[in-house]
Amino acid sequence: MCIFIIRLNRLYVYIIDAISVKVKEVVMFRKKLSLICGTLGLMILQLLYFDILSINMNIIILVLFLLSIMHFYYMELDFKSQLQVRPFGYLAFILPSIAIMARLFF
C-alpha cells in the first residue's frame, strides 16, 4: 500500500519554496505539489479498491479528477510557467471531463 507521510518538521521548506523569488525553488515546489496530488489520488484509489472508503462516489470522482488535473498541470509546467505539451496532450484535460460528466449524469 502506498504510504505518504509529510515530515512536519520540514513543512516550512515547502512554504518557503512556494513563495520564493528564485525560479528553481518555485519549480521544485510545483514538482513536489504535483507528486503530492498524484500520491493522494493513488491513495484514494487504493482505499476504494480495498473498500475502506465509504463516501458518496460522485464526490470521490470529482476529487480524483481535480487531483489528476493538478498533477498533470503542475508536472508539465516549465520554469517560464508555460505548459510544455503537444496539442494531443490537452486531451488529458478534456477526456476525463467527458468521462465524469457521463458518470454523473447518465
C-alpha atoms as a PDB file:
ATOM      1  CA  MET A   1       0.000   0.000   0.000  1.00  0.00           C
ATOM      2  CA  CYS A   2       1.197   3.473  -0.844  1.00  0.00           C
ATOM      3  CA  ILE A   3       2.332   5.347   2.246  1.00  0.00           C
ATOM      4  CA  PHE A   4       2.622   9.128   2.139  1.00  0.00           C
ATOM      5  CA  ILE A   5       3.923  10.990   5.157  1.00  0.00           C
ATOM      6  CA  ILE A   6       4.679  14.703   5.245  1.00  0.00           C
ATOM      7  CA  ARG A   7       7.515  15.395   7.605  1.00  0.00           C
ATOM      8  CA  LEU A   8       6.094  18.179   9.733  1.00  0.00           C
ATOM      9  CA  ASN A   9       9.499  19.462  10.739  1.00  0.00           C
ATOM     10  CA  ARG A  10      10.242  20.128   7.033  1.00  0.00           C
ATOM     11  CA  LEU A  11       6.854  21.635   6.159  1.00  0.00           C
ATOM     12  CA  TYR A  12       8.291  25.128   6.285  1.00  0.00           C
ATOM     13  CA  VAL A  13      10.571  24.229   3.352  1.00  0.00           C
ATOM     14  CA  TYR A  14       7.518  23.705   1.106  1.00  0.00           C
ATOM     15  CA  ILE A  15       6.095  27.073   2.119  1.00  0.00           C
ATOM     16  CA  ILE A  16       9.422  28.836   1.539  1.00  0.00           C
ATOM     17  CA  ASP A  17       9.734  27.194  -1.897  1.00  0.00           C
ATOM     18  CA  ALA A  18       6.214  28.305  -2.836  1.00  0.00           C
ATOM     19  CA  ILE A  19       6.826  31.987  -2.117  1.00  0.00           C
ATOM     20  CA  SER A  20      10.458  32.108  -3.173  1.00  0.00           C
ATOM     21  CA  VAL A  21      11.871  34.597  -5.650  1.00  0.00           C
ATOM     22  CA  LYS A  22      14.252  32.005  -7.113  1.00  0.00           C
ATOM     23  CA  VAL A  23      12.847  30.227 -10.151  1.00  0.00           C
ATOM     24  CA  LYS A  24      14.464  26.899  -9.285  1.00  0.00           C
ATOM     25  CA  GLU A  25      12.787  26.759  -5.878  1.00  0.00           C
ATOM     26  CA  VAL A  26       9.375  27.610  -7.334  1.00  0.00           C
ATOM     27  CA  VAL A  27       9.768  24.876  -9.968  1.00  0.00           C
ATOM     28  CA  MET A  28      10.768  22.421  -7.238  1.00  0.00           C
ATOM     29  CA  PHE A  29       7.640  23.363  -5.264  1.00  0.00           C
ATOM     30  CA  ARG A  30       5.454  22.754  -8.315  1.00  0.00           C
ATOM     31  CA  LYS A  31       7.010  19.323  -8.820  1.00  0.00           C
ATOM     32  CA  LYS A  32       6.514  18.491  -5.135  1.00  0.00           C
ATOM     33  CA  LEU A  33       2.893  19.647  -5.319  1.00  0.00           C
ATOM     34  CA  SER A  34       2.388  17.520  -8.420  1.00  0.00           C
ATOM     35  CA  LEU A  35       3.790  14.457  -6.668  1.00  0.00           C
ATOM     36  CA  ILE A  36       1.622  15.099  -3.605  1.00  0.00           C
ATOM     37  CA  CYS A  37      -1.513  15.325  -5.783  1.00  0.00           C
ATOM     38  CA  GLY A  38      -0.606  12.139  -7.658  1.00  0.00           C
ATOM     39  CA  THR A  39       0.134  10.263  -4.452  1.00  0.00           C
ATOM     40  CA  LEU A  40      -3.119  11.368  -2.824  1.00  0.00           C
ATOM     41  CA  GLY A  41      -5.036  10.244  -5.914  1.00  0.00           C
ATOM     42  CA  LEU A  42      -3.375   6.827  -5.801  1.00  0.00           C
ATOM     43  CA  MET A  43      -4.109   6.512  -2.099  1.00  0.00           C
ATOM     44  CA  ILE A  44      -7.796   7.251  -2.690  1.00  0.00           C
ATOM     45  CA  LEU A  45      -7.904   4.650  -5.466  1.00  0.00           C
ATOM     46  CA  GLN A  46      -6.329   2.064  -3.167  1.00  0.00           C
ATOM     47  CA  LEU A  47      -8.791   2.867  -0.395  1.00  0.00           C
ATOM     48  CA  LEU A  48     -11.615   2.367  -2.882  1.00  0.00           C
ATOM     49  CA  TYR A  49     -10.142  -0.913  -4.105  1.00  0.00           C
ATOM     50  CA  PHE A  50      -9.975  -2.343  -0.582  1.00  0.00           C
ATOM     51  CA  ASP A  51     -13.466  -0.975   0.326  1.00  0.00           C
ATOM     52  CA  ILE A  52     -12.089   1.182   3.145  1.00  0.00           C
ATOM     53  CA  LEU A  53     -13.550   4.438   1.850  1.00  0.00           C
ATOM     54  CA  SER A  54     -17.316   4.819   2.167  1.00  0.00           C
ATOM     55  CA  ILE A  55     -18.133   8.264   0.793  1.00  0.00           C
ATOM     56  CA  ASN A  56     -20.500   9.230  -1.999  1.00  0.00           C
ATOM     57  CA  MET A  57     -18.966   8.046  -5.274  1.00  0.00           C
ATOM     58  CA  ASN A  58     -19.697  11.327  -7.060  1.00  0.00           C
ATOM     59  CA  ILE A  59     -17.608  13.249  -4.540  1.00  0.00           C
ATOM     60  CA  ILE A  60     -14.758  10.774  -4.875  1.00  0.00           C
ATOM     61  CA  ILE A  61     -14.829  11.040  -8.664  1.00  0.00           C
ATOM     62  CA  LEU A  62     -14.671  14.840  -8.528  1.00  0.00           C
ATOM     63  CA  VAL A  63     -11.796  14.800  -6.016  1.00  0.00           C
ATOM     64  CA  LEU A  64      -9.870  12.288  -8.126  1.00  0.00           C
ATOM     65  CA  PHE A  65     -10.497  14.413 -11.210  1.00  0.00           C
ATOM     66  CA  LEU A  66      -9.182  17.552  -9.518  1.00  0.00           C
ATOM     67  CA  LEU A  67      -6.127  15.743  -8.153  1.00  0.00           C
ATOM     68  CA  SER A  68      -5.309  14.252 -11.544  1.00  0.00           C
ATOM     69  CA  ILE A  69      -5.670  17.595 -13.345  1.00  0.00           C
ATOM     70  CA  MET A  70      -3.482  19.296 -10.740  1.00  0.00           C
ATOM     71  CA  HIS A  71      -0.898  16.519 -11.037  1.00  0.00           C
ATOM     72  CA  PHE A  72      -0.771  16.788 -14.822  1.00  0.00           C
ATOM     73  CA  TYR A  73      -0.757  20.595 -14.868  1.00  0.00           C
ATOM     74  CA  TYR A  74       1.976  21.132 -12.283  1.00  0.00           C
ATOM     75  CA  MET A  75       4.152  18.339 -13.645  1.00  0.00           C
ATOM     76  CA  GLU A  76       4.139  19.796 -17.163  1.00  0.00           C
ATOM     77  CA  LEU A  77       4.832  23.438 -16.246  1.00  0.00           C
ATOM     78  CA  ASP A  78       8.292  24.677 -17.119  1.00  0.00           C
ATOM     79  CA  PHE A  79      10.305  27.400 -15.434  1.00  0.00           C
ATOM     80  CA  LYS A  80       8.517  30.069 -17.503  1.00  0.00           C
ATOM     81  CA  SER A  81       5.099  28.845 -16.236  1.00  0.00           C
ATOM     82  CA  GLN A  82       4.101  27.578 -19.668  1.00  0.00           C
ATOM     83  CA  LEU A  83       2.617  24.170 -20.381  1.00  0.00           C
ATOM     84  CA  GLN A  84       5.036  22.089 -22.412  1.00  0.00           C
ATOM     85  CA  VAL A  85       2.626  19.674 -24.044  1.00  0.00           C
ATOM     86  CA  ARG A  86       1.766  18.931 -27.629  1.00  0.00           C
ATOM     87  CA  PRO A  87      -1.800  19.565 -28.826  1.00  0.00           C
ATOM     88  CA  PHE A  88      -2.836  15.969 -28.123  1.00  0.00           C
ATOM     89  CA  GLY A  89      -1.609  16.422 -24.548  1.00  0.00           C
ATOM     90  CA  TYR A  90      -4.614  18.633 -23.877  1.00  0.00           C
ATOM     91  CA  LEU A  91      -6.799  15.547 -24.232  1.00  0.00           C
ATOM     92  CA  ALA A  92      -5.759  14.793 -20.649  1.00  0.00           C
ATOM     93  CA  PHE A  93      -7.930  17.757 -19.646  1.00  0.00           C
ATOM     94  CA  ILE A  94     -10.851  17.053 -21.984  1.00  0.00           C
ATOM     95  CA  LEU A  95     -11.373  13.274 -21.825  1.00  0.00           C
ATOM     96  CA  PRO A  96     -11.625  12.967 -18.027  1.00  0.00           C
ATOM     97  CA  SER A  97     -14.151  15.802 -18.046  1.00  0.00           C
ATOM     98  CA  ILE A  98     -16.288  13.947 -20.567  1.00  0.00           C
ATOM     99  CA  ALA A  99     -15.970  10.700 -18.601  1.00  0.00           C
ATOM    100  CA  ILE A 100     -17.008  12.390 -15.360  1.00  0.00           C
ATOM    101  CA  MET A 101     -19.993  14.066 -16.985  1.00  0.00           C
ATOM    102  CA  ALA A 102     -21.053  10.717 -18.409  1.00  0.00           C
ATOM    103  CA  ARG A 103     -20.719   9.051 -14.987  1.00  0.00           C
ATOM    104  CA  LEU A 104     -22.563  11.773 -13.100  1.00  0.00           C
ATOM    105  CA  PHE A 105     -25.435  12.417 -15.497  1.00  0.00           C
ATOM    106  CA  PHE A 106     -26.054   9.093 -17.297  1.00  0.00           C
END
